[in-house]
Amino acid sequence: MQGRVHSLQSFGTVDGPGVRYVVFLQGCPMRCKYCHNPDTWAPNAGTLTDSDYIIEQYERNKGFYNGGGITVTGGEPLLQIDFVIELFEKAKAKGIHTCIDSSGITFNPKSPEIMAKFDRLMKVTDLVMLDIKHIDNEHHKELTSQSNENILAFAQYLSDKNIETWIRHVVVPGITDDDEYLFKLGYFIGGLKMLKALDVLPYHNMGEVKYENLGIDYPLKGVPPMDKKILLEKKQVILDGIKKRRAELADKQ
């Protein structure tokens, strides 16, 4: 099977544990205002690439990937779920650690066909890095043009399936930095039994140049990068929410 690949990175260090071979897949239904890869949006762009080719490239340099593995990201990698299933089944047959970096937007618990594919994929997935853009649905729609209902359902699904999960959240000044919602985010993810890490990332405007080059208006023009000292305070608010939820769960046991 072939997938539409935006690019391949042979030495990724921020896309899961260890050094990783990173596959950036083409296509995304989200339109996040702070997206720094608008060139990955179009689903019919990219280079058609065989899953065997990706495995071969990994195997060629597998000495570099001790403690690492293969990560698929995007765009939204699960827009091409059939390709990811085939790639990961081949990877697991060779003992390769597999990771998905996803927004969860394609998850749909109301569709038996989609759920069957997710169930098959999870059998060969070691880790999901889930990017929760905003815990409040209306704010999420404003930020990304999409509802977060299926995204939060996906997080719970991963917990129920015992899939290790890393949560990522980008803090944007004036948009995703409200303490009330950050605490609610922490409270929600505190209920995920397979939560293994939390990455709280500072908004940056380095993608603005890409928008200019593509002739697209940058939605957050004028929004300053997130102050990293304030970022630590915002992360603590999320951690406080996690602690409260876990304390409540412990009391019920």
Protein backbone atom coordinates (compact mmCIF):
# COMPACT_ATOMS: atom_id res chain seq x y z
CA MET A 1 0.00 0.00 0.00
CA GLN A 2 1.08 3.54 -0.71
CA GLY A 3 0.54 6.57 1.47
CA ARG A 4 0.80 10.25 0.68
CA VAL A 5 3.93 11.40 2.51
CA HIS A 6 4.78 15.02 3.08
CA SER A 7 8.33 14.30 4.26
CA LEU A 8 10.54 11.83 6.10
CA GLN A 9 12.88 12.64 8.97
CA SER A 10 15.58 10.12 9.76
CA PHE A 11 16.68 11.51 13.13
CA GLY A 12 13.71 12.72 15.19
CA THR A 13 14.29 13.43 18.87
CA VAL A 14 11.01 15.07 19.96
CA ASP A 15 8.52 12.62 18.47
CA GLY A 16 8.41 9.92 21.11
CA PRO A 17 10.97 8.00 23.15
CA GLY A 18 14.51 7.68 21.85
CA VAL A 19 15.70 8.59 18.37
CA ARG A 20 12.97 7.99 15.82
CA TYR A 21 12.29 7.68 12.12
CA VAL A 22 9.47 10.17 11.59
CA VAL A 23 6.91 9.90 8.81
CA PHE A 24 5.01 13.12 8.11
CA LEU A 25 1.81 12.17 6.32
CA GLN A 26 -0.11 14.54 4.12
CA GLY A 27 -3.60 15.84 4.82
CA CYS A 28 -5.44 17.36 7.79
CA PRO A 29 -9.11 18.31 8.37
CA MET A 30 -8.17 20.68 11.22
CA ARG A 31 -7.36 24.34 10.65
CA CYS A 32 -5.61 25.23 13.89
CA LYS A 33 -4.88 28.93 14.02
CA TYR A 34 -1.35 28.29 15.27
CA CYS A 35 -0.55 25.47 12.84
CA HIS A 36 3.03 25.85 11.62
CA ASN A 37 2.69 23.28 8.81
CA PRO A 38 -0.09 24.56 6.52
CA ASP A 39 1.70 22.83 3.67
CA THR A 40 0.48 19.50 5.11
CA TRP A 41 -3.24 20.37 4.90
CA ALA A 42 -4.06 19.25 1.33
CA PRO A 43 -4.92 15.52 1.35
CA ASN A 44 -4.04 14.90 -2.30
CA ALA A 45 -0.55 16.39 -2.19
CA GLY A 46 2.68 14.76 -1.03
CA THR A 47 4.65 11.87 -2.47
CA LEU A 48 3.12 8.42 -2.89
CA THR A 49 5.35 6.14 -0.83
CA ASP A 50 5.28 2.37 -0.19
CA SER A 51 5.11 1.13 3.40
CA ASP A 52 7.93 -1.30 2.49
CA TYR A 53 10.14 1.63 1.56
CA ILE A 54 9.69 3.21 5.00
CA ILE A 55 10.52 -0.07 6.75
CA GLU A 56 13.59 -0.49 4.55
CA GLN A 57 14.82 3.01 5.35
CA TYR A 58 14.38 2.36 9.05
CA GLU A 59 16.18 -0.98 8.87
CA ARG A 60 19.06 0.56 6.94
CA ASN A 61 19.87 2.80 9.91
CA LYS A 62 18.34 0.82 12.78
CA GLY A 63 21.56 1.12 14.78
CA PHE A 64 20.66 4.79 15.33
CA TYR A 65 17.21 3.93 16.70
CA ASN A 66 18.14 1.98 19.82
CA GLY A 67 15.36 2.82 22.29
CA GLY A 68 13.44 4.59 19.52
CA GLY A 69 11.25 3.48 16.66
CA ILE A 70 8.89 4.81 14.00
CA THR A 71 6.52 7.74 14.55
CA VAL A 72 3.78 8.77 12.12
CA THR A 73 2.66 12.38 12.31
CA GLY A 74 1.40 14.99 9.91
CA GLY A 75 -0.83 16.71 9.06
CA GLU A 76 -3.16 14.23 10.64
CA PRO A 77 -1.75 10.72 10.14
CA LEU A 78 -5.00 8.90 10.90
CA LEU A 79 -6.60 10.50 7.87
CA GLN A 80 -4.64 7.69 6.15
CA ILE A 81 -5.44 5.04 8.75
CA ASP A 82 -5.32 2.12 6.31
CA PHE A 83 -1.77 3.00 5.37
CA VAL A 84 -0.75 3.43 9.01
CA ILE A 85 -2.24 0.03 9.88
CA GLU A 86 -0.23 -1.68 7.16
CA LEU A 87 2.96 0.19 8.09
CA PHE A 88 2.63 -0.59 11.80
CA GLU A 89 1.77 -4.26 11.23
CA LYS A 90 4.98 -4.59 9.24
CA ALA A 91 6.91 -2.65 11.87
CA LYS A 92 5.67 -4.79 14.77
CA ALA A 93 6.57 -7.94 12.82
CA LYS A 94 10.15 -6.67 13.04
CA GLY A 95 9.91 -5.63 16.71
CA ILE A 96 9.91 -1.89 15.96
CA HIS A 97 8.35 0.48 18.53
CA THR A 98 5.42 2.35 16.97
CA CYS A 99 4.07 5.78 17.85
CA ILE A 100 1.24 7.94 16.48
CA ASP A 101 1.30 11.72 16.88
CA SER A 102 -2.35 12.67 16.33
CA SER A 103 -5.08 15.19 17.07
CA GLY A 104 -7.60 12.34 17.29
CA ILE A 105 -9.98 14.21 14.98
CA THR A 106 -10.77 11.19 12.75
CA PHE A 107 -11.96 9.02 15.65
CA ASN A 108 -15.70 8.30 15.50
CA PRO A 109 -17.20 5.92 18.09
CA LYS A 110 -20.53 5.99 16.23
CA SER A 111 -19.06 4.34 13.11
CA PRO A 112 -18.53 0.53 13.36
CA GLU A 113 -16.32 0.63 10.25
CA ILE A 114 -14.02 3.29 11.68
CA MET A 115 -13.93 1.61 15.09
CA ALA A 116 -12.92 -1.70 13.53
CA LYS A 117 -9.95 0.05 11.93
CA PHE A 118 -8.95 1.76 15.18
CA ASP A 119 -9.20 -1.55 17.06
CA ARG A 120 -6.91 -3.18 14.49
CA LEU A 121 -4.46 -0.29 14.62
CA MET A 122 -4.24 -0.27 18.40
CA LYS A 123 -3.10 -3.90 18.37
CA VAL A 124 0.14 -2.72 16.75
CA THR A 125 0.50 0.70 18.40
CA ASP A 126 2.80 1.17 21.39
CA LEU A 127 2.26 4.87 22.08
CA VAL A 128 -0.10 7.68 21.07
CA MET A 129 0.95 11.30 21.42
CA LEU A 130 -2.42 13.07 21.56
CA ASP A 131 -2.56 16.82 21.00
CA ILE A 132 -5.54 18.31 22.86
CA LYS A 133 -5.94 21.83 21.51
CA HIS A 134 -8.59 23.08 23.97
CA ILE A 135 -10.72 21.33 26.60
CA ASP A 136 -13.77 23.57 25.97
CA ASN A 137 -15.71 22.54 22.88
CA GLU A 138 -16.78 26.01 21.75
CA HIS A 139 -13.29 27.43 22.17
CA HIS A 140 -11.94 24.36 20.37
CA LYS A 141 -14.23 25.02 17.40
CA GLU A 142 -13.09 28.63 17.26
CA LEU A 143 -9.42 27.61 17.43
CA THR A 144 -9.45 24.64 15.04
CA SER A 145 -12.76 24.77 13.08
CA GLN A 146 -13.63 21.33 14.57
CA SER A 147 -15.42 19.95 17.63
CA ASN A 148 -13.36 18.25 20.34
CA GLU A 149 -16.02 15.66 21.26
CA ASN A 150 -14.50 12.78 19.29
CA ILE A 151 -11.01 13.85 20.35
CA LEU A 152 -11.87 13.51 24.04
CA ALA A 153 -13.66 10.24 23.25
CA PHE A 154 -10.45 9.04 21.60
CA ALA A 155 -8.48 9.86 24.75
CA GLN A 156 -10.89 7.77 26.81
CA TYR A 157 -10.73 4.98 24.22
CA LEU A 158 -6.93 4.88 24.53
CA SER A 159 -7.28 4.62 28.30
CA ASP A 160 -9.79 1.79 27.98
CA LYS A 161 -7.50 -0.01 25.52
CA ASN A 162 -4.47 0.39 27.82
CA ILE A 163 -2.51 2.28 25.18
CA GLU A 164 0.29 4.44 26.58
CA THR A 165 -0.63 8.08 25.99
CA TRP A 166 1.37 11.31 25.99
CA ILE A 167 -0.74 14.45 26.06
CA ARG A 168 0.47 17.55 24.27
CA HIS A 169 -0.99 21.01 24.73
CA VAL A 170 0.18 24.26 23.13
CA VAL A 171 -0.22 27.35 25.31
CA VAL A 172 -1.07 30.41 23.22
CA PRO A 173 -1.21 33.83 24.92
CA GLY A 174 -4.81 34.99 25.20
CA ILE A 175 -6.21 31.84 23.58
CA THR A 176 -5.27 28.65 25.45
CA ASP A 177 -3.70 30.10 28.59
CA ASP A 178 -6.83 30.55 30.75
CA ASP A 179 -6.27 28.88 34.14
CA GLU A 180 -9.88 27.70 34.40
CA TYR A 181 -9.61 25.68 31.22
CA LEU A 182 -6.07 24.51 31.91
CA PHE A 183 -7.25 23.09 35.23
CA LYS A 184 -10.20 21.40 33.48
CA LEU A 185 -7.77 19.93 30.96
CA GLY A 186 -5.66 18.51 33.78
CA TYR A 187 -8.74 17.18 35.56
CA PHE A 188 -9.82 15.38 32.39
CA ILE A 189 -6.48 13.80 31.56
CA GLY A 190 -5.99 12.89 35.23
CA GLY A 191 -8.67 10.26 34.63
CA LEU A 192 -6.69 8.54 31.88
CA LYS A 193 -5.12 5.44 33.39
CA MET A 194 -2.38 5.13 30.74
CA LEU A 195 -1.19 8.76 30.89
CA LYS A 196 2.60 8.53 30.69
CA ALA A 197 3.68 12.09 29.97
CA LEU A 198 2.49 15.67 29.58
CA ASP A 199 4.14 18.04 27.12
CA VAL A 200 3.10 21.66 27.61
CA LEU A 201 4.50 23.52 24.63
CA PRO A 202 4.98 27.26 24.13
CA TYR A 203 3.32 28.90 21.15
CA HIS A 204 5.79 30.32 18.66
CA ASN A 205 5.25 32.30 15.48
CA MET A 206 7.99 30.72 13.38
CA GLY A 207 5.39 29.33 10.97
CA GLU A 208 4.32 32.83 9.94
CA VAL A 209 6.88 32.87 7.12
CA LYS A 210 5.35 29.69 5.63
CA TYR A 211 1.95 31.37 5.46
CA GLU A 212 3.46 34.34 3.67
CA ASN A 213 5.23 32.07 1.19
CA LEU A 214 1.98 30.18 0.53
CA GLY A 215 -0.01 33.39 0.18
CA ILE A 216 -2.19 32.59 3.22
CA ASP A 217 -3.16 35.08 5.91
CA TYR A 218 -1.64 34.13 9.26
CA PRO A 219 -4.55 33.98 11.78
CA LEU A 220 -2.48 34.87 14.85
CA LYS A 221 -0.49 37.73 13.42
CA GLY A 222 0.63 39.95 16.27
CA VAL A 223 0.25 37.29 18.97
CA PRO A 224 3.59 37.15 20.83
CA PRO A 225 5.43 33.88 21.51
CA MET A 226 4.65 32.33 24.87
CA ASP A 227 6.94 33.40 27.70
CA LYS A 228 8.65 30.22 28.91
CA LYS A 229 8.60 31.33 32.55
CA ILE A 230 4.84 31.82 32.40
CA LEU A 231 4.59 28.50 30.60
CA LEU A 232 5.90 26.72 33.71
CA GLU A 233 3.14 28.35 35.76
CA LYS A 234 0.53 27.22 33.24
CA LYS A 235 1.86 23.68 33.29
CA GLN A 236 1.51 23.65 37.06
CA VAL A 237 -2.18 24.53 36.73
CA ILE A 238 -2.67 21.47 34.50
CA LEU A 239 -0.73 19.33 36.97
CA ASP A 240 -2.95 20.60 39.79
CA GLY A 241 -5.99 19.42 37.82
CA ILE A 242 -4.40 16.01 37.31
CA LYS A 243 -3.62 15.69 41.01
CA LYS A 244 -7.17 16.57 42.02
CA ARG A 245 -8.70 14.00 39.67
CA ARG A 246 -6.31 11.28 40.77
CA ALA A 247 -6.94 12.06 44.44
CA GLU A 248 -10.68 11.73 43.86
CA LEU A 249 -10.22 8.43 42.05
CA ALA A 250 -7.98 7.13 44.85
CA ASP A 251 -10.64 8.04 47.44
CA LYS A 252 -13.22 5.96 45.56
CA GLN A 253 -11.09 2.83 45.62
